[in-house]
Amino acid sequence: MSLRRLLCAAASRRPAPVRCRRGSPLHTAPAACSDRSAPVFSRALAFGDRIALVDQHGRHTYKDLYHHSLRLSRELCRLLGCAGGDLQEERVSFMCSNDVSYVVAQWASWMSGGVAVPLYRKHPQAELEYVIRDSRSAVVLAGQEYVELLGPVVGRLGVPLLPLPPTVYGAAAEAPGEWRVPEQNWRDRGAMIIYTSGTTGRPKGVLSTHHNIRAMVTGLVHKWAWTKDDVILHSLPLHHVHGVVNKLLCPLWVGATCVMLPEFSAELVWEKLLSSEAPRINVFMAVPTIYAKLMDYYDTHFTQPHVQDFVRAVCEEKIRLMVSGSAALPLPVLEKWQRVTGHTLLERYGMTEIGMALSNPLTTARTPGSVGTPLPGVEVRIVSENPKKEGYPYVLHAEGNEKETKVTPGFTEKEGELLVRGPSLFREYWDKPEETRNAFTCDGWFKTGASWPRTPCPLSCCWWKRSHGTRWGRSTREISSGSSTRVTRVPRGQAPIRRDPLSPLLRPHSHTHTERSSLCCRLLGGSPQRPAARPRAAGLQAKFSKVCAKTSMCRAVCPGAPGGTACRVQKSCLCVHSRVSPTLWAVHVASPGDL
C-alpha cells in the first residue's frame, strides 16, 4: 500500500493495537557448529524456511541465503585455486547493494575461510583502490550493477573480479552438491576489515575476529532483547558497524527478518513504518540526520491532526524499539521525535574498534543525551594522565561494567578519557603494528581518544542514571564517526564573547581544516565547569536551528581558530561529531531526589 493510500485510510480509522511483547523470552536455535565463535551463517539452517530478508527482489529464507552463499563460496575457492576450501584469511573485498547479494557475498567470504572487506559504492575510485590495495585482497566480488564501476579499479591492481551470478537474487536455491563448509576453529580467525575515517592520515583497516563479532552481536541481542519475531527496517550503508552488526547480523543471529531498502528515502521509510502489511516493522535504527529528514517530511506531508494521531498511534503500538547512533543526537531532534512518535530514542556509544560499548536501557527511563551502561562483557574506565610522570601512566577516576561502578574518592564529576576492554575489541589495525600498539595502554585497555586533545566541550549534557545512584556519561555531545565533520568547542579558560554569538555562523567559508590542528571556537563561551554556560549553549542551539531552517548544511569559520579552521555544522545541531574532537568522560553521583 502506498503512503498516500495509507494516510487516506488513516482519516477514517485508527490502527488496531499491536502490542509489542517487550518482555518476551529470547528465541534462539542451536548453531550448526559446536564452536562457540562460529559465524552467523552456522545458525541459518536451524531457521530454515523463515524469512530472513525482504528486498526489492523479493523474499529470501534462511535456507536460501545459506545455499546461495555456499555455492558462491565454491566458486571463490575454484577461482583462487583453493582445493581444500579454506582461504586461510585471504581478504575478499566486495561491493553489493543493500539486498540479498550483500549477505551472500559476506557469508561466502566467511564460508571460504576469508576475511570480508566491504566496499562502499559511493566512495571515489581512488579510495576504493586504496582499500583493495591496502587490504591486499585476493579477489573482488561485485554485484551485477557494480561490475562496470570496479572493472578499471581491479584492472589497475591486477586483482581478479568475480561478478555475483544473477541467481543469487532469486529464491529456492538448491544445495551445491557435496560442497560443505570445512570444520574450523573460528575463534581467532580474522572475519572482517572495516576501514575507519582517516584523521591524521589514510584510513586504517580495523580487523575483527569471528569471536569479536560474536561478542558484539550477542551483547546487543541480550541488551535489546532481540527475538525471532522481530522485523527491522534497514536503510543504512553497509560499510560500518552500525549497518553491518547492529542492523544486519543481530537480526540474522536470532532468526528475525530484515526489510532492506536500496537507499534511504523519507517517504519510503514512513510508508514501511506505518504499513500494516506483513512482515510488520517493529524495530528501527538510524543516524540523527535521518531522523531529522523524517521529521522534515512529517512537517511537510503530515499536517492534518488526524494523520498525526494515526502516525503516533502506529509508532506507539507497533514499534518496540527505536535507536539512534553513529553521531550525537541533538536534543531538539530527540524531543520532537518523542512528540511525533511517542518514542524516546535509545542512544548508545560505539566505535569501529570496539563495536558497541555502552547502551541505554531497553525498558526503563532514558536520559536525553545519555549513552548508557556497559554492554555484557564490556569493562570501561575513566582516566587522566598521571601528572607526576612516574609510576602508573594514568590516574583512575572510575571503572565499571554491566553490574557495578566504582568511583575513586574525590573524582566524582572529574573528566577524563574513556578506556574500554572486552571480547568485542578488534584484533589489530591491518598491517599497522605500531598504530595497534599505540592504541592500547600498557595494561591492555583500548584508548578511545588516544590522539585527541583534552579540551572540554561546553555541551556537557550526556548523563545516564543508574538505580543505585551512579551515572556514567560523556562530557561532549559527540560520537566518533565520519571523516568530514568537525566539532565546535571552546578552549579551557577562554572568556565568553560579548558580540553577537551567531555572526560567525552566517559567513560561508571553504573547508581549510589542517590535520591534527587544535580546533577551537569562541561561539559558546563558558566551559563544563561553569554550569551557567549550559542554558546559554542550549539557547544558542535552538536559535541556530531557526537560522538554518532552510538549509541542509552550512559552513562557518570560527574566529580564533588556528589557520582559519572551518567548522561544519549540521542542520539543527550546533555541535557535530569528529574523530579529532575530545572525548572526555565523567561519573556523576546522583542524589536520591534525582532518581
Protein backbone atom coordinates (compact mmCIF):
# COMPACT_ATOMS: atom_id res chain seq x y z
CA MET A 1 0.00 0.00 0.00
CA SER A 2 1.39 3.41 -0.95
CA LEU A 3 1.92 6.09 1.67
CA ARG A 4 -0.82 8.24 0.12
CA ARG A 5 -3.39 5.43 0.37
CA LEU A 6 -2.18 4.62 3.85
CA LEU A 7 -2.76 8.17 5.05
CA CYS A 8 -6.16 8.31 3.37
CA ALA A 9 -7.16 5.22 5.29
CA ALA A 10 -5.99 6.88 8.48
CA ALA A 11 -8.67 9.53 8.09
CA SER A 12 -11.42 7.01 8.67
CA ARG A 13 -9.99 4.68 11.26
CA ARG A 14 -7.29 4.27 13.87
CA PRO A 15 -4.97 1.28 13.67
CA ALA A 16 -5.77 -1.79 15.66
CA PRO A 17 -3.46 -2.11 18.64
CA VAL A 18 -0.46 -4.30 18.01
CA ARG A 19 1.16 -4.85 21.36
CA CYS A 20 4.89 -5.34 21.47
CA ARG A 21 5.94 -8.14 23.74
CA ARG A 22 8.83 -6.29 25.30
CA GLY A 23 9.35 -8.94 27.92
CA SER A 24 9.16 -11.98 25.64
CA PRO A 25 11.97 -14.50 26.04
CA LEU A 26 14.83 -14.71 23.60
CA HIS A 27 14.20 -17.26 20.86
CA THR A 28 17.34 -18.94 19.67
CA ALA A 29 18.26 -22.00 17.68
CA PRO A 30 21.21 -24.31 18.15
CA ALA A 31 24.20 -23.48 15.99
CA ALA A 32 25.17 -25.87 13.25
CA CYS A 33 28.71 -25.86 14.60
CA SER A 34 29.80 -26.58 18.16
CA ASP A 35 32.43 -23.82 18.10
CA ARG A 36 31.19 -21.01 20.32
CA SER A 37 32.64 -18.41 17.94
CA ALA A 38 31.11 -19.82 14.76
CA PRO A 39 29.79 -17.16 12.34
CA VAL A 40 26.14 -16.27 11.92
CA PHE A 41 25.73 -18.46 8.83
CA SER A 42 26.22 -21.55 11.03
CA ARG A 43 22.78 -20.89 12.51
CA ALA A 44 20.94 -20.34 9.22
CA LEU A 45 19.78 -23.91 8.55
CA ALA A 46 18.23 -24.06 12.01
CA PHE A 47 15.85 -21.27 10.92
CA GLY A 48 15.21 -22.98 7.57
CA ASP A 49 12.18 -21.55 5.79
CA ARG A 50 11.80 -18.48 7.99
CA ILE A 51 12.01 -15.19 6.08
CA ALA A 52 15.46 -13.70 6.60
CA LEU A 53 15.43 -10.80 4.13
CA VAL A 54 12.88 -8.80 2.20
CA ASP A 55 14.29 -6.57 -0.55
CA GLN A 56 13.41 -5.21 -3.99
CA HIS A 57 13.97 -8.67 -5.45
CA GLY A 58 11.54 -10.49 -3.17
CA ARG A 59 11.64 -12.58 -0.01
CA HIS A 60 14.57 -14.78 0.92
CA THR A 61 14.59 -17.55 3.51
CA TYR A 62 17.50 -18.51 5.73
CA LYS A 63 17.90 -21.70 3.72
CA ASP A 64 18.10 -19.64 0.52
CA LEU A 65 20.84 -17.44 1.98
CA TYR A 66 22.84 -20.44 3.14
CA HIS A 67 22.69 -22.31 -0.16
CA HIS A 68 23.42 -19.22 -2.28
CA SER A 69 26.41 -18.43 -0.05
CA LEU A 70 27.71 -21.99 -0.16
CA ARG A 71 27.53 -22.02 -3.95
CA LEU A 72 29.43 -18.69 -4.19
CA SER A 73 31.98 -20.00 -1.69
CA ARG A 74 32.70 -22.90 -4.01
CA GLU A 75 33.22 -20.50 -6.94
CA LEU A 76 35.57 -18.38 -4.82
CA CYS A 77 37.74 -21.34 -3.93
CA ARG A 78 37.82 -22.54 -7.52
CA LEU A 79 38.88 -19.11 -8.76
CA LEU A 80 41.70 -18.86 -6.22
CA GLY A 81 42.80 -22.48 -6.60
CA CYS A 82 41.98 -23.45 -3.04
CA ALA A 83 41.10 -27.13 -3.27
CA GLY A 84 40.68 -27.55 0.48
CA GLY A 85 38.02 -24.85 0.72
CA ASP A 86 39.96 -22.68 3.18
CA LEU A 87 41.39 -19.34 2.04
CA GLN A 88 43.41 -19.03 5.27
CA GLU A 89 42.27 -15.46 5.97
CA GLU A 90 42.84 -14.14 2.45
CA ARG A 91 40.97 -10.86 2.10
CA VAL A 92 37.83 -10.81 -0.04
CA SER A 93 36.64 -7.31 -0.97
CA PHE A 94 33.07 -7.00 -2.16
CA MET A 95 30.66 -4.32 -3.34
CA CYS A 96 26.95 -5.08 -3.25
CA SER A 97 23.70 -3.22 -2.89
CA ASN A 98 21.59 -3.25 0.26
CA ASP A 99 19.92 -6.51 -0.63
CA VAL A 100 20.38 -10.27 -0.57
CA SER A 101 23.62 -10.03 -2.58
CA TYR A 102 25.41 -8.33 0.34
CA VAL A 103 24.65 -11.15 2.76
CA VAL A 104 25.55 -13.81 0.20
CA ALA A 105 28.91 -12.15 -0.51
CA GLN A 106 29.67 -11.73 3.19
CA TRP A 107 28.72 -15.28 4.13
CA ALA A 108 30.54 -16.77 1.14
CA SER A 109 33.71 -14.94 2.20
CA TRP A 110 33.42 -16.47 5.67
CA MET A 111 32.46 -19.94 4.46
CA SER A 112 35.64 -19.91 2.36
CA GLY A 113 37.78 -19.00 5.36
CA GLY A 114 38.38 -15.48 4.05
CA VAL A 115 38.20 -12.03 5.63
CA ALA A 116 35.30 -9.91 4.36
CA VAL A 117 36.19 -6.35 3.29
CA PRO A 118 33.03 -4.38 2.41
CA LEU A 119 33.37 -1.59 -0.17
CA TYR A 120 31.04 1.40 -0.34
CA ARG A 121 29.55 2.17 -3.73
CA LYS A 122 29.63 5.96 -3.19
CA HIS A 123 33.34 6.16 -2.43
CA PRO A 124 35.52 7.56 -5.23
CA GLN A 125 37.60 5.15 -7.27
CA ALA A 126 40.81 6.36 -5.62
CA GLU A 127 39.51 5.35 -2.19
CA LEU A 128 38.22 2.01 -3.46
CA GLU A 129 41.62 1.35 -4.99
CA TYR A 130 43.31 2.26 -1.71
CA VAL A 131 41.17 -0.17 0.32
CA ILE A 132 41.65 -3.06 -2.12
CA ARG A 133 45.39 -2.45 -2.33
CA ASP A 134 45.93 -1.82 1.39
CA SER A 135 43.98 -4.93 2.41
CA ARG A 136 45.86 -6.96 -0.23
CA SER A 137 42.59 -8.50 -1.33
CA ALA A 138 42.93 -11.72 -3.30
CA VAL A 139 39.66 -11.18 -5.16
CA VAL A 140 36.86 -8.64 -5.50
CA LEU A 141 33.22 -9.72 -5.58
CA ALA A 142 30.76 -7.41 -7.32
CA GLY A 143 27.02 -7.22 -7.63
CA GLN A 144 25.81 -7.10 -11.21
CA GLU A 145 25.33 -3.32 -11.08
CA TYR A 146 28.92 -2.62 -9.92
CA VAL A 147 30.94 -4.71 -12.35
CA GLU A 148 31.46 -1.73 -14.68
CA LEU A 149 32.44 0.56 -11.79
CA LEU A 150 35.01 -1.82 -10.34
CA GLY A 151 36.45 -3.07 -13.63
CA PRO A 152 39.00 -0.24 -14.11
CA VAL A 153 40.00 -0.36 -10.42
CA VAL A 154 40.80 -4.07 -10.30
CA GLY A 155 42.40 -3.80 -13.74
CA ARG A 156 44.96 -1.32 -12.42
CA LEU A 157 45.64 -3.51 -9.39
CA GLY A 158 45.70 -6.85 -11.18
CA VAL A 159 43.11 -8.36 -8.83
CA PRO A 160 40.53 -10.82 -10.22
CA LEU A 161 36.90 -9.66 -10.31
CA LEU A 162 34.14 -12.20 -9.69
CA PRO A 163 30.63 -10.95 -10.57
CA LEU A 164 27.83 -12.41 -8.47
CA PRO A 165 25.61 -14.67 -10.59
CA PRO A 166 22.05 -13.44 -11.25
CA THR A 167 20.72 -16.50 -9.42
CA VAL A 168 21.62 -15.01 -6.02
CA TYR A 169 18.72 -12.58 -6.34
CA GLY A 170 16.20 -15.40 -6.70
CA ALA A 171 14.74 -17.78 -4.17
CA ALA A 172 14.64 -21.55 -3.68
CA ALA A 173 18.36 -22.13 -4.10
CA GLU A 174 19.46 -25.75 -4.04
CA ALA A 175 22.41 -27.08 -2.10
CA PRO A 176 25.55 -27.20 -4.29
CA GLY A 177 26.18 -30.94 -4.34
CA GLU A 178 28.63 -32.26 -1.79
CA TRP A 179 30.31 -28.91 -1.09
CA ARG A 180 30.45 -28.21 2.63
CA VAL A 181 32.00 -25.63 4.94
CA PRO A 182 35.25 -27.07 6.33
CA GLU A 183 35.45 -27.62 10.07
CA GLN A 184 37.45 -24.74 11.54
CA ASN A 185 38.37 -23.14 14.81
CA TRP A 186 36.71 -19.78 14.19
CA ARG A 187 37.60 -18.01 17.42
CA ASP A 188 40.83 -16.23 16.49
CA ARG A 189 40.37 -16.19 12.74
CA GLY A 190 40.00 -12.82 11.04
CA ALA A 191 36.43 -12.11 9.94
CA MET A 192 36.05 -8.55 8.71
CA ILE A 193 38.07 -5.43 7.96
CA ILE A 194 36.21 -2.12 8.16
CA TYR A 195 38.14 0.99 7.24
CA THR A 196 37.88 3.93 9.62
CA SER A 197 37.81 7.55 8.55
CA GLY A 198 41.30 8.97 8.28
CA THR A 199 42.03 11.90 10.62
CA THR A 200 45.82 12.11 10.65
CA GLY A 201 46.44 10.10 7.50
CA ARG A 202 44.88 7.46 5.27
CA PRO A 203 42.04 5.29 6.66
CA LYS A 204 43.10 2.34 8.80
CA GLY A 205 41.64 -1.13 8.39
CA VAL A 206 40.13 -2.42 11.64
CA LEU A 207 40.42 -6.21 11.68
CA SER A 208 37.90 -8.01 13.89
CA THR A 209 37.85 -11.75 14.51
CA HIS A 210 34.83 -14.02 14.45
CA HIS A 211 35.00 -14.05 18.25
CA ASN A 212 34.92 -10.23 18.31
CA ILE A 213 31.87 -10.12 16.06
CA ARG A 214 30.17 -12.85 18.06
CA ALA A 215 30.66 -10.77 21.22
CA MET A 216 29.27 -7.63 19.54
CA VAL A 217 26.19 -9.46 18.31
CA THR A 218 25.33 -11.45 21.43
CA GLY A 219 25.83 -8.41 23.67
CA LEU A 220 23.30 -6.39 21.66
CA VAL A 221 20.92 -9.34 21.30
CA HIS A 222 20.84 -9.62 25.08
CA LYS A 223 20.69 -5.89 25.82
CA TRP A 224 17.97 -5.08 23.28
CA ALA A 225 16.02 -8.36 23.67
CA TRP A 226 16.13 -9.43 20.04
CA THR A 227 13.79 -12.33 19.15
CA LYS A 228 12.95 -14.28 16.01
CA ASP A 229 9.66 -12.36 15.85
CA ASP A 230 11.39 -9.00 15.30
CA VAL A 231 11.32 -7.22 11.94
CA ILE A 232 13.83 -4.41 11.39
CA LEU A 233 13.80 -1.79 8.65
CA HIS A 234 17.31 -1.34 7.22
CA SER A 235 18.17 1.84 5.30
CA LEU A 236 21.81 2.44 6.30
CA PRO A 237 25.01 1.86 4.30
CA LEU A 238 26.72 -1.47 4.88
CA HIS A 239 30.36 -0.50 5.35
CA HIS A 240 30.37 0.35 9.07
CA VAL A 241 29.46 -1.35 12.35
CA HIS A 242 26.06 0.33 12.69
CA GLY A 243 24.77 -1.03 9.41
CA VAL A 244 26.60 -4.37 9.40
CA VAL A 245 26.44 -5.54 13.02
CA ASN A 246 23.62 -3.68 14.75
CA LYS A 247 21.10 -3.80 11.92
CA LEU A 248 22.02 -6.91 9.92
CA LEU A 249 23.93 -9.53 11.89
CA CYS A 250 21.87 -9.12 15.08
CA PRO A 251 18.52 -9.97 13.44
CA LEU A 252 20.07 -12.77 11.37
CA TRP A 253 21.60 -14.24 14.53
CA VAL A 254 18.20 -14.84 16.17
CA GLY A 255 16.18 -15.75 13.09
CA ALA A 256 14.44 -12.39 12.74
CA THR A 257 13.55 -10.60 9.49
CA CYS A 258 15.40 -7.69 7.90
CA VAL A 259 13.49 -5.47 5.44
CA MET A 260 16.17 -3.80 3.32
CA LEU A 261 15.80 -0.59 1.33
CA PRO A 262 18.23 0.09 -1.55
CA GLU A 263 18.90 3.52 -0.04
CA PHE A 264 17.28 5.95 2.35
CA SER A 265 14.06 7.64 1.28
CA ALA A 266 11.99 9.54 3.84
CA GLU A 267 8.77 8.72 2.02
CA LEU A 268 9.56 5.03 1.74
CA VAL A 269 10.69 4.77 5.37
CA TRP A 270 7.44 6.33 6.60
CA GLU A 271 5.48 4.04 4.29
CA LYS A 272 7.19 0.96 5.73
CA LEU A 273 6.89 2.12 9.34
CA LEU A 274 3.16 2.82 9.01
CA SER A 275 2.20 -0.11 6.81
CA SER A 276 0.11 -2.98 8.17
CA GLU A 277 1.40 -5.41 5.53
CA ALA A 278 3.43 -8.38 6.74
CA PRO A 279 6.14 -8.52 7.82
CA ARG A 280 5.33 -5.55 10.06
CA ILE A 281 8.25 -3.40 11.15
CA ASN A 282 8.80 -3.26 14.91
CA VAL A 283 12.47 -2.19 15.16
CA PHE A 284 14.09 0.87 13.57
CA MET A 285 17.60 2.28 13.88
CA ALA A 286 19.11 5.30 12.17
CA VAL A 287 21.53 8.19 12.47
CA PRO A 288 20.38 11.62 13.70
CA THR A 289 20.37 13.16 10.21
CA ILE A 290 17.89 10.51 9.07
CA TYR A 291 15.59 11.28 11.98
CA ALA A 292 15.83 14.98 11.09
CA LYS A 293 14.91 14.23 7.46
CA LEU A 294 12.00 12.07 8.55
CA MET A 295 10.66 14.94 10.65
CA ASP A 296 11.10 17.36 7.76
CA TYR A 297 8.95 15.04 5.66
CA TYR A 298 6.48 14.77 8.54
CA ASP A 299 6.16 18.56 8.79
CA THR A 300 5.52 18.85 5.06
CA HIS A 301 3.15 15.94 4.44
CA PHE A 302 1.56 15.01 7.77
CA THR A 303 -0.12 18.30 8.55
CA GLN A 304 -3.65 17.17 9.40
CA PRO A 305 -4.32 16.37 13.08
CA HIS A 306 -5.98 13.01 12.37
CA VAL A 307 -2.96 11.93 10.30
CA GLN A 308 -0.60 12.96 13.09
CA ASP A 309 -2.70 10.98 15.57
CA PHE A 310 -2.51 7.99 13.25
CA VAL A 311 1.28 8.22 12.96
CA ARG A 312 1.78 8.42 16.71
CA ALA A 313 -0.67 5.59 17.41
CA VAL A 314 1.03 3.25 14.94
CA CYS A 315 4.51 4.01 16.24
CA GLU A 316 3.49 3.61 19.87
CA GLU A 317 1.56 0.40 19.38
CA LYS A 318 3.56 -1.31 16.65
CA ILE A 319 7.22 -0.42 17.12
CA ARG A 320 9.02 -1.69 20.21
CA LEU A 321 12.45 -0.11 19.72
CA MET A 322 13.92 2.95 18.00
CA VAL A 323 17.67 3.57 18.25
CA SER A 324 19.90 6.50 17.30
CA GLY A 325 23.65 6.27 16.92
CA SER A 326 26.85 6.93 14.94
CA ALA A 327 26.60 10.65 15.76
CA ALA A 328 25.44 12.84 18.60
CA LEU A 329 21.67 13.16 18.83
CA PRO A 330 20.68 16.85 19.12
CA LEU A 331 18.21 17.46 21.93
CA PRO A 332 15.66 19.21 19.64
CA VAL A 333 15.60 16.14 17.39
CA LEU A 334 15.09 13.80 20.33
CA GLU A 335 12.30 15.91 21.81
CA LYS A 336 10.45 16.39 18.53
CA TRP A 337 10.69 12.71 17.65
CA GLN A 338 9.24 11.93 21.05
CA ARG A 339 6.29 14.24 20.38
CA VAL A 340 5.74 12.80 16.90
CA THR A 341 6.03 9.08 17.66
CA GLY A 342 5.84 8.72 21.43
CA HIS A 343 9.31 7.10 21.43
CA THR A 344 12.33 8.28 23.39
CA LEU A 345 15.17 7.30 21.09
CA LEU A 346 17.64 4.89 22.63
CA GLU A 347 21.18 6.25 22.38
CA ARG A 348 24.30 4.12 22.54
CA TYR A 349 28.05 4.56 22.13
CA GLY A 350 30.43 2.58 19.99
CA MET A 351 33.38 2.68 17.63
CA THR A 352 34.60 0.53 14.78
CA GLU A 353 37.39 -0.78 17.02
CA ILE A 354 35.16 -1.80 19.94
CA GLY A 355 31.72 -2.37 18.48
CA MET A 356 29.05 -1.14 20.88
CA ALA A 357 30.37 -0.44 24.39
CA LEU A 358 27.54 1.43 26.13
CA SER A 359 23.79 1.41 25.67
CA ASN A 360 20.78 2.96 27.32
CA PRO A 361 18.31 0.57 28.99
CA LEU A 362 15.62 -1.05 26.89
CA THR A 363 12.65 -0.79 29.24
CA THR A 364 13.46 1.73 31.97
CA ALA A 365 13.63 5.51 31.61
CA ARG A 366 16.29 7.07 29.36
CA THR A 367 18.02 10.38 29.98
CA PRO A 368 18.33 12.67 26.94
CA GLY A 369 21.89 12.65 25.67
CA SER A 370 22.82 9.56 27.63
CA VAL A 371 24.89 6.75 26.18
CA GLY A 372 24.04 4.26 28.91
CA THR A 373 25.65 1.37 30.74
CA PRO A 374 28.37 -1.04 29.61
CA LEU A 375 27.12 -3.92 27.50
CA PRO A 376 27.59 -7.51 28.72
CA GLY A 377 31.27 -8.40 28.88
CA VAL A 378 32.44 -4.80 28.41
CA GLU A 379 34.53 -3.00 31.03
CA VAL A 380 35.11 0.75 30.99
CA ARG A 381 37.38 3.16 32.80
CA ILE A 382 37.68 6.92 33.01
CA VAL A 383 41.28 8.05 33.43
CA SER A 384 43.52 11.08 33.13
CA GLU A 385 47.23 11.40 32.51
CA ASN A 386 49.39 10.98 35.59
CA PRO A 387 50.78 14.49 36.26
CA LYS A 388 53.72 13.06 38.23
CA LYS A 389 55.09 11.38 35.09
CA GLU A 390 56.27 8.44 37.17
CA GLY A 391 54.82 5.13 38.23
CA TYR A 392 51.50 4.24 36.62
CA PRO A 393 50.85 6.18 33.37
CA TYR A 394 47.34 7.30 34.26
CA VAL A 395 45.12 8.20 37.20
CA LEU A 396 41.95 6.12 37.58
CA HIS A 397 38.76 8.16 38.08
CA ALA A 398 36.19 5.39 37.82
CA GLU A 399 35.66 1.93 36.43
CA GLY A 400 32.62 -0.19 35.80
CA ASN A 401 30.90 -2.98 33.96
CA GLU A 402 27.34 -4.12 33.34
CA LYS A 403 26.78 -4.84 37.04
CA GLU A 404 28.62 -2.20 39.06
CA THR A 405 30.52 1.08 39.05
CA LYS A 406 33.36 2.12 41.35
CA VAL A 407 34.40 5.77 41.68
CA THR A 408 37.73 6.82 43.16
CA PRO A 409 37.08 9.14 46.14
CA GLY A 410 37.46 12.76 45.10
CA PHE A 411 36.97 12.06 41.38
CA THR A 412 33.22 12.37 41.15
CA GLU A 413 32.38 14.55 38.12
CA LYS A 414 36.07 14.81 37.16
CA GLU A 415 36.51 14.40 33.42
CA GLY A 416 38.90 12.06 31.69
CA GLU A 417 39.46 9.74 28.77
CA LEU A 418 37.36 6.60 28.27
CA LEU A 419 39.17 3.26 28.16
CA VAL A 420 37.45 0.07 27.06
CA ARG A 421 38.24 -3.61 27.46
CA GLY A 422 36.27 -6.68 26.44
CA PRO A 423 35.79 -9.53 23.97
CA SER A 424 34.47 -7.23 21.23
CA LEU A 425 37.76 -5.30 20.89
CA PHE A 426 39.37 -5.60 17.47
CA ARG A 427 42.45 -7.74 16.84
CA GLU A 428 44.59 -5.13 15.09
CA TYR A 429 44.84 -2.26 12.68
CA TRP A 430 45.54 -4.13 9.48
CA ASP A 431 49.25 -4.17 8.64
CA LYS A 432 49.93 -1.37 11.16
CA PRO A 433 51.56 -2.94 14.24
CA GLU A 434 52.84 0.35 15.66
CA GLU A 435 49.43 2.03 15.46
CA THR A 436 47.91 -1.06 17.07
CA ARG A 437 50.35 -0.94 20.00
CA ASN A 438 49.79 2.78 20.49
CA ALA A 439 46.02 2.31 20.62
CA PHE A 440 46.26 0.37 23.90
CA THR A 441 47.53 1.18 27.37
CA CYS A 442 50.37 -0.82 28.86
CA ASP A 443 47.82 -2.94 30.74
CA GLY A 444 45.68 -3.75 27.70
CA TRP A 445 42.88 -1.15 27.67
CA PHE A 446 41.85 0.44 24.37
CA LYS A 447 42.18 4.22 24.33
CA THR A 448 39.05 5.58 22.65
CA GLY A 449 40.65 9.02 22.26
CA ALA A 450 44.34 8.15 22.06
CA SER A 451 45.41 11.16 19.97
CA TRP A 452 42.58 13.59 20.75
CA PRO A 453 43.24 16.88 22.57
CA ARG A 454 41.78 17.02 26.03
CA THR A 455 39.91 20.29 25.57
CA PRO A 456 36.47 20.24 27.20
CA CYS A 457 33.31 20.93 25.22
CA PRO A 458 30.62 23.14 26.80
CA LEU A 459 27.78 20.93 25.63
CA SER A 460 28.10 18.62 28.63
CA CYS A 461 24.66 17.08 28.90
CA CYS A 462 25.16 13.34 28.32
CA TRP A 463 24.48 11.56 31.59
CA TRP A 464 22.97 8.20 32.45
CA LYS A 465 21.26 7.45 35.77
CA ARG A 466 21.51 4.08 37.46
CA SER A 467 19.15 2.84 40.12
CA HIS A 468 21.88 2.83 42.75
CA GLY A 469 22.73 6.45 42.08
CA THR A 470 25.83 6.40 39.89
CA ARG A 471 25.82 7.89 36.40
CA TRP A 472 28.24 7.36 33.55
CA GLY A 473 28.28 10.00 30.86
CA ARG A 474 30.14 11.77 28.11
CA SER A 475 31.17 15.36 28.62
CA THR A 476 30.90 16.02 24.88
CA ARG A 477 27.92 15.77 22.58
CA GLU A 478 29.80 13.67 20.05
CA ILE A 479 30.45 10.13 18.94
CA SER A 480 33.37 9.37 16.67
CA SER A 481 32.22 8.73 13.13
CA GLY A 482 32.64 10.30 9.74
CA SER A 483 35.58 11.97 8.11
CA SER A 484 34.40 15.41 7.04
CA THR A 485 32.66 16.91 10.07
CA ARG A 486 34.26 18.99 12.77
CA VAL A 487 33.23 19.94 16.28
CA THR A 488 32.78 23.46 17.61
CA ARG A 489 34.15 23.99 21.09
CA VAL A 490 35.79 26.45 23.47
CA PRO A 491 39.36 26.21 24.81
CA ARG A 492 39.70 25.84 28.55
CA GLY A 493 39.66 29.18 30.34
CA GLN A 494 38.59 31.30 27.38
CA ALA A 495 36.26 34.15 28.27
CA PRO A 496 32.78 34.40 26.73
CA ILE A 497 32.47 36.74 23.77
CA ARG A 498 30.39 39.90 24.01
CA ARG A 499 29.27 40.40 20.42
CA ASP A 500 26.52 38.55 18.53
CA PRO A 501 27.46 34.89 19.05
CA LEU A 502 25.81 33.78 15.81
CA SER A 503 27.67 36.13 13.50
CA PRO A 504 30.49 33.67 12.68
CA LEU A 505 27.91 31.14 11.55
CA LEU A 506 26.50 33.45 8.92
CA ARG A 507 29.72 33.76 6.92
CA PRO A 508 30.39 30.95 4.44
CA HIS A 509 33.93 29.71 4.28
CA SER A 510 35.76 26.96 2.45
CA HIS A 511 36.92 23.95 4.43
CA THR A 512 40.55 24.60 5.38
CA HIS A 513 40.99 22.18 8.25
CA THR A 514 44.63 21.24 8.86
CA GLU A 515 45.10 17.69 10.10
CA ARG A 516 45.99 17.39 13.77
CA SER A 517 45.30 21.08 14.36
CA SER A 518 43.71 22.08 17.64
CA LEU A 519 40.17 23.10 16.80
CA CYS A 520 38.55 25.89 18.76
CA CYS A 521 35.55 28.16 18.53
CA ARG A 522 34.57 31.26 20.51
CA LEU A 523 30.94 30.71 19.71
CA LEU A 524 29.54 29.49 23.01
CA GLY A 525 31.77 30.64 25.81
CA GLY A 526 31.93 29.07 29.23
CA SER A 527 33.07 25.55 29.99
CA PRO A 528 31.75 22.36 31.56
CA GLN A 529 32.97 23.68 34.91
CA ARG A 530 30.60 26.66 34.57
CA PRO A 531 27.01 25.38 34.77
CA ALA A 532 25.69 28.83 33.97
CA ALA A 533 27.01 28.43 30.44
CA ARG A 534 24.88 25.40 29.69
CA PRO A 535 21.48 27.09 29.34
CA ARG A 536 23.15 29.66 27.12
CA ALA A 537 24.55 26.91 24.92
CA ALA A 538 21.14 25.27 24.69
CA GLY A 539 19.55 28.59 23.79
CA LEU A 540 22.08 29.22 21.05
CA GLN A 541 21.47 25.77 19.67
CA ALA A 542 17.74 26.45 19.42
CA LYS A 543 18.36 29.87 17.86
CA PHE A 544 20.79 28.43 15.36
CA SER A 545 18.25 25.77 14.36
CA LYS A 546 15.94 28.57 13.22
CA VAL A 547 18.71 30.34 11.34
CA CYS A 548 19.49 27.17 9.37
CA ALA A 549 15.89 26.03 8.95
CA LYS A 550 16.03 26.43 5.18
CA THR A 551 19.43 24.90 4.62
CA SER A 552 20.52 21.28 4.85
CA MET A 553 24.10 22.18 5.73
CA CYS A 554 26.13 25.32 6.31
CA ARG A 555 29.77 26.11 6.94
CA ALA A 556 31.23 28.78 9.14
CA VAL A 557 34.69 29.98 10.04
CA CYS A 558 35.43 30.29 13.75
CA PRO A 559 37.36 33.40 14.83
CA GLY A 560 40.44 32.45 16.77
CA ALA A 561 40.75 29.03 15.20
CA PRO A 562 44.29 28.28 14.00
CA GLY A 563 44.73 28.62 10.26
CA GLY A 564 41.17 29.79 9.69
CA THR A 565 39.85 26.38 10.66
CA ALA A 566 36.36 25.88 9.31
CA CYS A 567 33.69 24.09 11.26
CA ARG A 568 30.92 22.26 9.52
CA VAL A 569 27.57 22.47 11.29
CA GLN A 570 24.68 20.14 10.65
CA LYS A 571 21.13 21.42 10.44
CA SER A 572 19.56 21.69 13.88
CA CYS A 573 22.82 20.68 15.52
CA LEU A 574 25.38 23.15 16.84
CA CYS A 575 27.96 20.56 17.81
CA VAL A 576 28.77 17.74 15.43
CA HIS A 577 30.85 14.60 15.69
CA SER A 578 34.52 14.34 14.83
CA ARG A 579 37.33 11.88 15.39
CA VAL A 580 39.67 14.77 16.23
CA SER A 581 37.45 16.23 18.91
CA PRO A 582 37.98 15.44 22.59
CA THR A 583 36.08 12.64 24.23
CA LEU A 584 36.10 13.42 27.92
CA TRP A 585 34.04 11.35 30.32
CA ALA A 586 32.88 11.71 33.88
CA VAL A 587 30.91 9.91 36.56
CA HIS A 588 28.23 11.77 38.50
CA VAL A 589 26.68 10.51 41.72
CA ALA A 590 23.02 11.43 41.80
CA SER A 591 21.12 12.28 44.94
CA PRO A 592 18.04 10.18 45.78
CA GLY A 593 15.82 13.03 44.61
CA ASP A 594 17.34 12.89 41.11
CA LEU A 595 16.49 9.25 40.53
